[in-house]
Amino acid sequence: MRLNPVPARTGLAWVQSGVRTFLRQPLAMGGLFFMFMAVVSLLSAVPLVGPALALMLVPAATLGLMAASREADAGRFPMPLTLVTAFRQGPQRSQAMVVLGGAYAGALLLLMLLAALLGGSAGAEMTDGEMTPEAMRAALAGGQLWWLLLLYLPVMAGFWHAPALLHWHGVSPLKSVFFSFMACWTNKGAMLVYMTGWVAVFATTGLVLSLLAGLLGSAALLQVVLYPMVLLMAAMFHTSIYFSFRDSFIPDDTASPPPGDAP
């Protein structure tokens, strides 16, 4: 695999591809994302080890949603088993994905510990699963959340393409994180446009819903509709991740094609 530098405007194409592919298979893509969220919520409720296990699943689930996006982009209906694609390529790839998941969970838990240390009582509330508006305002006012978001950026870049590199191209966990970071840095302009585009999509959706609630004179309607719409937007966002990976790497002419997923 070789890095493929792309112009900044490609980030907008990734957003458009994600939205278009999701609308092509909304039931499948939305259903798979909701399944992932349900599993994460159940695991997070397990005392002590639950949150760490939920974080460990994120790279594997990301790979599953990327595989579903690839299926939908090819005009096929992604089946529920697509979500566990990461564990259907043999024990070696499965073990490597577990290692990658452990590294991701460790990095996130370290950042949450840092939040508790930097944010005092607000940081502690942010890490116990009960993030209140008061804690959020305190973290924003104190600047702790902004520092954490800044620290999370290299972690996000390192794990952005890593699951796909590991599963589809047999790259080791450590190298996959390195190559993912380098790909995000090489295409930082496109990634910035991509993230800005999704912020605009979320903000526009929220504004439209607020205007509709105001016209109808029902704040309760906004509360009922807002959460499902946020989940649908998040499903669209995850659908688009595959396209950022597809365009960021080029297989070498001498390399064998990526292995197909296990039936």
Protein backbone atom coordinates (compact mmCIF):
# COMPACT_ATOMS: atom_id res chain seq x y z
CA MET A 1 0.00 0.00 0.00
CA ARG A 2 1.13 3.53 -0.82
CA LEU A 3 -0.25 6.79 0.53
CA ASN A 4 -2.37 8.65 -1.98
CA PRO A 5 -2.31 12.46 -1.55
CA VAL A 6 -5.66 13.97 -2.48
CA PRO A 7 -6.76 17.62 -2.85
CA ALA A 8 -8.66 19.26 0.00
CA ARG A 9 -11.93 19.26 -1.97
CA THR A 10 -11.94 15.44 -1.80
CA GLY A 11 -13.09 15.77 1.80
CA LEU A 12 -16.41 17.14 0.57
CA ALA A 13 -16.72 14.20 -1.83
CA TRP A 14 -16.32 11.83 1.14
CA VAL A 15 -19.22 13.53 2.91
CA GLN A 16 -21.38 13.34 -0.21
CA SER A 17 -20.49 9.67 -0.78
CA GLY A 18 -21.40 8.83 2.80
CA VAL A 19 -24.79 10.52 2.58
CA ARG A 20 -25.53 9.02 -0.85
CA THR A 21 -24.53 5.49 0.19
CA PHE A 22 -26.53 5.69 3.41
CA LEU A 23 -29.65 6.82 1.53
CA ARG A 24 -29.13 3.92 -0.87
CA GLN A 25 -29.39 1.41 2.00
CA PRO A 26 -30.84 3.36 4.96
CA LEU A 27 -32.36 0.37 6.75
CA ALA A 28 -29.20 -1.71 6.55
CA MET A 29 -26.73 1.04 7.42
CA GLY A 30 -28.93 2.53 10.13
CA GLY A 31 -29.74 -0.89 11.57
CA LEU A 32 -26.08 -1.93 11.75
CA PHE A 33 -25.13 1.31 13.48
CA PHE A 34 -27.97 0.94 16.00
CA MET A 35 -26.86 -2.64 16.68
CA PHE A 36 -23.37 -1.38 17.42
CA MET A 37 -24.70 1.34 19.72
CA ALA A 38 -26.91 -1.17 21.54
CA VAL A 39 -23.98 -3.53 22.17
CA VAL A 40 -21.79 -0.67 23.38
CA SER A 41 -24.53 0.57 25.71
CA LEU A 42 -25.04 -2.90 27.20
CA LEU A 43 -21.32 -3.44 27.69
CA SER A 44 -20.87 0.00 29.23
CA ALA A 45 -23.43 -0.92 31.90
CA VAL A 46 -21.25 -3.82 33.12
CA PRO A 47 -19.41 -2.71 36.29
CA LEU A 48 -15.66 -2.10 36.19
CA VAL A 49 -14.67 -3.79 32.90
CA GLY A 50 -17.70 -2.80 30.81
CA PRO A 51 -16.53 0.61 29.55
CA ALA A 52 -13.10 -0.74 28.61
CA LEU A 53 -14.67 -3.66 26.69
CA ALA A 54 -16.98 -1.24 24.88
CA LEU A 55 -14.01 0.88 23.80
CA MET A 56 -12.12 -2.23 22.65
CA LEU A 57 -14.96 -3.00 20.23
CA VAL A 58 -14.80 0.37 18.48
CA PRO A 59 -12.07 -0.49 15.90
CA ALA A 60 -13.77 -3.80 15.03
CA ALA A 61 -17.17 -2.11 14.74
CA THR A 62 -15.67 0.64 12.61
CA LEU A 63 -14.29 -2.01 10.26
CA GLY A 64 -17.70 -3.69 10.15
CA LEU A 65 -19.42 -0.45 9.20
CA MET A 66 -16.74 0.24 6.57
CA ALA A 67 -17.33 -3.21 5.10
CA ALA A 68 -21.07 -2.49 5.06
CA SER A 69 -20.42 0.80 3.26
CA ARG A 70 -18.35 -1.04 0.66
CA GLU A 71 -21.19 -3.52 0.14
CA ALA A 72 -23.78 -0.75 -0.17
CA ASP A 73 -21.56 1.22 -2.55
CA ALA A 74 -21.34 -1.88 -4.75
CA GLY A 75 -25.14 -2.13 -4.82
CA ARG A 76 -25.37 -5.06 -2.39
CA PHE A 77 -27.42 -5.25 0.80
CA PRO A 78 -25.15 -5.44 3.88
CA MET A 79 -26.23 -8.34 6.06
CA PRO A 80 -26.08 -8.20 9.90
CA LEU A 81 -23.01 -10.46 9.96
CA THR A 82 -21.12 -7.71 8.14
CA LEU A 83 -20.82 -5.96 11.49
CA VAL A 84 -18.49 -8.73 12.76
CA THR A 85 -16.35 -8.77 9.60
CA ALA A 86 -13.27 -8.13 11.73
CA PHE A 87 -13.60 -11.59 13.31
CA ARG A 88 -14.37 -13.60 10.17
CA GLN A 89 -10.93 -13.61 8.56
CA GLY A 90 -9.26 -16.22 10.73
CA PRO A 91 -7.70 -16.26 14.22
CA GLN A 92 -4.59 -14.28 13.26
CA ARG A 93 -6.52 -11.25 12.00
CA SER A 94 -8.99 -11.57 14.88
CA GLN A 95 -6.22 -11.54 17.47
CA ALA A 96 -4.58 -8.56 15.78
CA MET A 97 -7.92 -6.70 15.89
CA VAL A 98 -8.23 -7.45 19.61
CA VAL A 99 -4.73 -6.00 20.13
CA LEU A 100 -5.73 -2.91 18.15
CA GLY A 101 -8.91 -2.59 20.19
CA GLY A 102 -6.93 -2.89 23.42
CA ALA A 103 -4.56 -0.15 22.29
CA TYR A 104 -7.50 2.11 21.41
CA ALA A 105 -9.19 1.47 24.75
CA GLY A 106 -5.94 2.14 26.60
CA ALA A 107 -5.43 5.44 24.77
CA LEU A 108 -9.01 6.59 25.46
CA LEU A 109 -8.92 5.56 29.11
CA LEU A 110 -5.66 7.46 29.50
CA LEU A 111 -7.28 10.56 28.02
CA MET A 112 -10.29 10.19 30.34
CA LEU A 113 -7.95 9.89 33.30
CA LEU A 114 -6.27 13.06 32.10
CA ALA A 115 -9.72 14.69 31.97
CA ALA A 116 -10.28 13.83 35.62
CA LEU A 117 -6.87 15.21 36.57
CA LEU A 118 -7.16 18.43 34.57
CA GLY A 119 -10.84 19.08 35.10
CA GLY A 120 -11.17 18.41 38.81
CA SER A 121 -14.77 17.64 39.73
CA ALA A 122 -15.98 18.49 36.21
CA GLY A 123 -13.47 16.10 34.69
CA ALA A 124 -14.54 13.37 37.10
CA GLU A 125 -18.17 13.84 36.07
CA MET A 126 -17.14 13.64 32.41
CA THR A 127 -15.56 10.22 32.96
CA ASP A 128 -18.30 8.52 35.00
CA GLY A 129 -20.86 8.32 32.19
CA GLU A 130 -23.05 11.09 33.70
CA MET A 131 -21.92 14.15 31.77
CA THR A 132 -24.20 16.98 32.93
CA PRO A 133 -24.67 20.34 31.19
CA GLU A 134 -23.09 21.99 34.22
CA ALA A 135 -19.98 19.78 33.92
CA MET A 136 -19.77 20.50 30.19
CA ARG A 137 -20.00 24.26 30.75
CA ALA A 138 -17.36 24.09 33.50
CA ALA A 139 -15.02 22.09 31.25
CA LEU A 140 -15.48 24.52 28.36
CA ALA A 141 -14.96 27.54 30.59
CA GLY A 142 -11.81 26.06 32.11
CA GLY A 143 -10.39 24.99 28.77
CA GLN A 144 -9.90 21.35 29.80
CA LEU A 145 -12.21 19.96 27.13
CA TRP A 146 -10.44 21.89 24.39
CA TRP A 147 -7.10 20.49 25.51
CA LEU A 148 -8.55 16.97 25.54
CA LEU A 149 -9.97 17.39 22.05
CA LEU A 150 -6.57 18.59 20.88
CA LEU A 151 -4.89 15.57 22.49
CA TYR A 152 -7.48 13.25 20.96
CA LEU A 153 -6.71 14.38 17.41
CA PRO A 154 -3.50 12.30 17.01
CA VAL A 155 -5.26 9.32 18.62
CA MET A 156 -8.16 9.66 16.19
CA ALA A 157 -5.74 9.99 13.25
CA GLY A 158 -3.81 6.91 14.35
CA PHE A 159 -6.88 4.71 14.54
CA TRP A 160 -8.87 6.22 11.65
CA HIS A 161 -7.63 3.87 8.91
CA ALA A 162 -5.96 1.30 11.17
CA PRO A 163 -8.81 -1.29 11.30
CA ALA A 164 -9.08 -1.39 7.50
CA LEU A 165 -5.32 -1.58 6.99
CA LEU A 166 -5.09 -4.44 9.48
CA HIS A 167 -8.02 -6.45 8.16
CA TRP A 168 -7.92 -5.92 4.40
CA HIS A 169 -4.17 -5.60 3.92
CA GLY A 170 -2.64 -7.59 6.77
CA VAL A 171 -0.73 -4.67 8.28
CA SER A 172 0.34 -5.26 11.89
CA PRO A 173 -1.48 -3.26 14.62
CA LEU A 174 1.46 -0.96 15.34
CA LYS A 175 2.22 -0.28 11.67
CA SER A 176 -1.46 0.22 10.88
CA VAL A 177 -1.66 2.98 13.50
CA PHE A 178 1.49 4.61 12.09
CA PHE A 179 0.34 4.45 8.47
CA SER A 180 -3.12 5.70 9.44
CA PHE A 181 -1.60 8.71 11.17
CA MET A 182 0.65 9.43 8.19
CA ALA A 183 -2.30 9.16 5.78
CA CYS A 184 -4.37 11.60 7.84
CA TRP A 185 -1.42 13.99 8.05
CA THR A 186 -0.69 13.73 4.33
CA ASN A 187 -4.34 14.47 3.53
CA LYS A 188 -4.91 16.90 6.40
CA GLY A 189 -6.55 19.40 4.05
CA ALA A 190 -9.10 16.85 2.88
CA MET A 191 -9.66 15.65 6.46
CA LEU A 192 -10.27 19.22 7.61
CA VAL A 193 -12.81 19.81 4.83
CA TYR A 194 -14.38 16.42 5.62
CA MET A 195 -14.81 17.19 9.33
CA THR A 196 -16.00 20.73 8.61
CA GLY A 197 -18.54 19.32 6.16
CA TRP A 198 -19.97 16.97 8.77
CA VAL A 199 -20.12 19.73 11.37
CA ALA A 200 -22.12 21.73 8.82
CA VAL A 201 -24.45 18.77 8.18
CA PHE A 202 -25.11 18.29 11.91
CA ALA A 203 -25.54 22.02 12.52
CA THR A 204 -27.90 22.46 9.56
CA THR A 205 -30.00 19.47 10.64
CA GLY A 206 -30.26 20.86 14.17
CA LEU A 207 -31.22 24.30 12.85
CA VAL A 208 -33.92 22.87 10.56
CA LEU A 209 -35.39 20.81 13.40
CA SER A 210 -35.38 23.83 15.71
CA LEU A 211 -37.15 25.97 13.08
CA LEU A 212 -39.78 23.27 12.52
CA ALA A 213 -40.37 22.94 16.26
CA GLY A 214 -40.71 26.72 16.50
CA LEU A 215 -43.19 26.88 13.61
CA LEU A 216 -45.25 24.07 15.09
CA GLY A 217 -44.98 25.58 18.55
CA SER A 218 -43.92 22.31 20.11
CA ALA A 219 -40.65 22.09 22.01
CA ALA A 220 -41.59 18.53 23.00
CA LEU A 221 -41.51 17.54 19.32
CA LEU A 222 -37.89 18.68 19.09
CA GLN A 223 -36.97 16.56 22.10
CA VAL A 224 -38.65 13.48 20.58
CA VAL A 225 -37.14 13.86 17.09
CA LEU A 226 -33.69 15.22 17.94
CA TYR A 227 -32.08 12.08 19.42
CA PRO A 228 -33.13 9.71 16.57
CA MET A 229 -31.95 12.28 14.02
CA VAL A 230 -28.58 12.59 15.74
CA LEU A 231 -28.21 8.80 15.59
CA LEU A 232 -29.12 8.79 11.88
CA MET A 233 -26.58 11.54 11.21
CA ALA A 234 -23.97 9.55 13.15
CA ALA A 235 -24.79 6.49 11.02
CA MET A 236 -24.29 8.57 7.88
CA PHE A 237 -20.97 9.81 9.24
CA HIS A 238 -19.74 6.27 9.89
CA THR A 239 -20.89 5.28 6.40
CA SER A 240 -18.54 7.91 4.95
CA ILE A 241 -15.40 6.68 6.76
CA TYR A 242 -14.88 3.92 4.16
CA PHE A 243 -14.52 6.46 1.35
CA SER A 244 -11.80 8.36 3.20
CA PHE A 245 -9.86 5.10 3.47
CA ARG A 246 -10.49 4.06 -0.13
CA ASP A 247 -9.05 7.29 -1.52
CA SER A 248 -6.12 7.62 0.91
CA PHE A 249 -4.22 4.51 -0.19
CA ILE A 250 -3.20 2.95 -3.51
CA PRO A 251 -2.26 -0.75 -3.75
CA ASP A 252 1.21 -1.31 -5.19
CA ASP A 253 1.18 -2.77 -8.70
CA THR A 254 3.12 -5.77 -7.42
CA ALA A 255 0.95 -6.31 -4.38
CA SER A 256 -1.73 -8.94 -4.28
CA PRO A 257 -5.32 -7.65 -4.10
CA PRO A 258 -6.91 -7.30 -0.67
CA PRO A 259 -8.36 -10.57 0.61
CA GLY A 260 -12.10 -10.88 0.52
CA ASP A 261 -14.12 -11.25 3.67
CA ALA A 262 -14.90 -14.72 4.90
CA PRO A 263 -18.26 -15.98 3.71
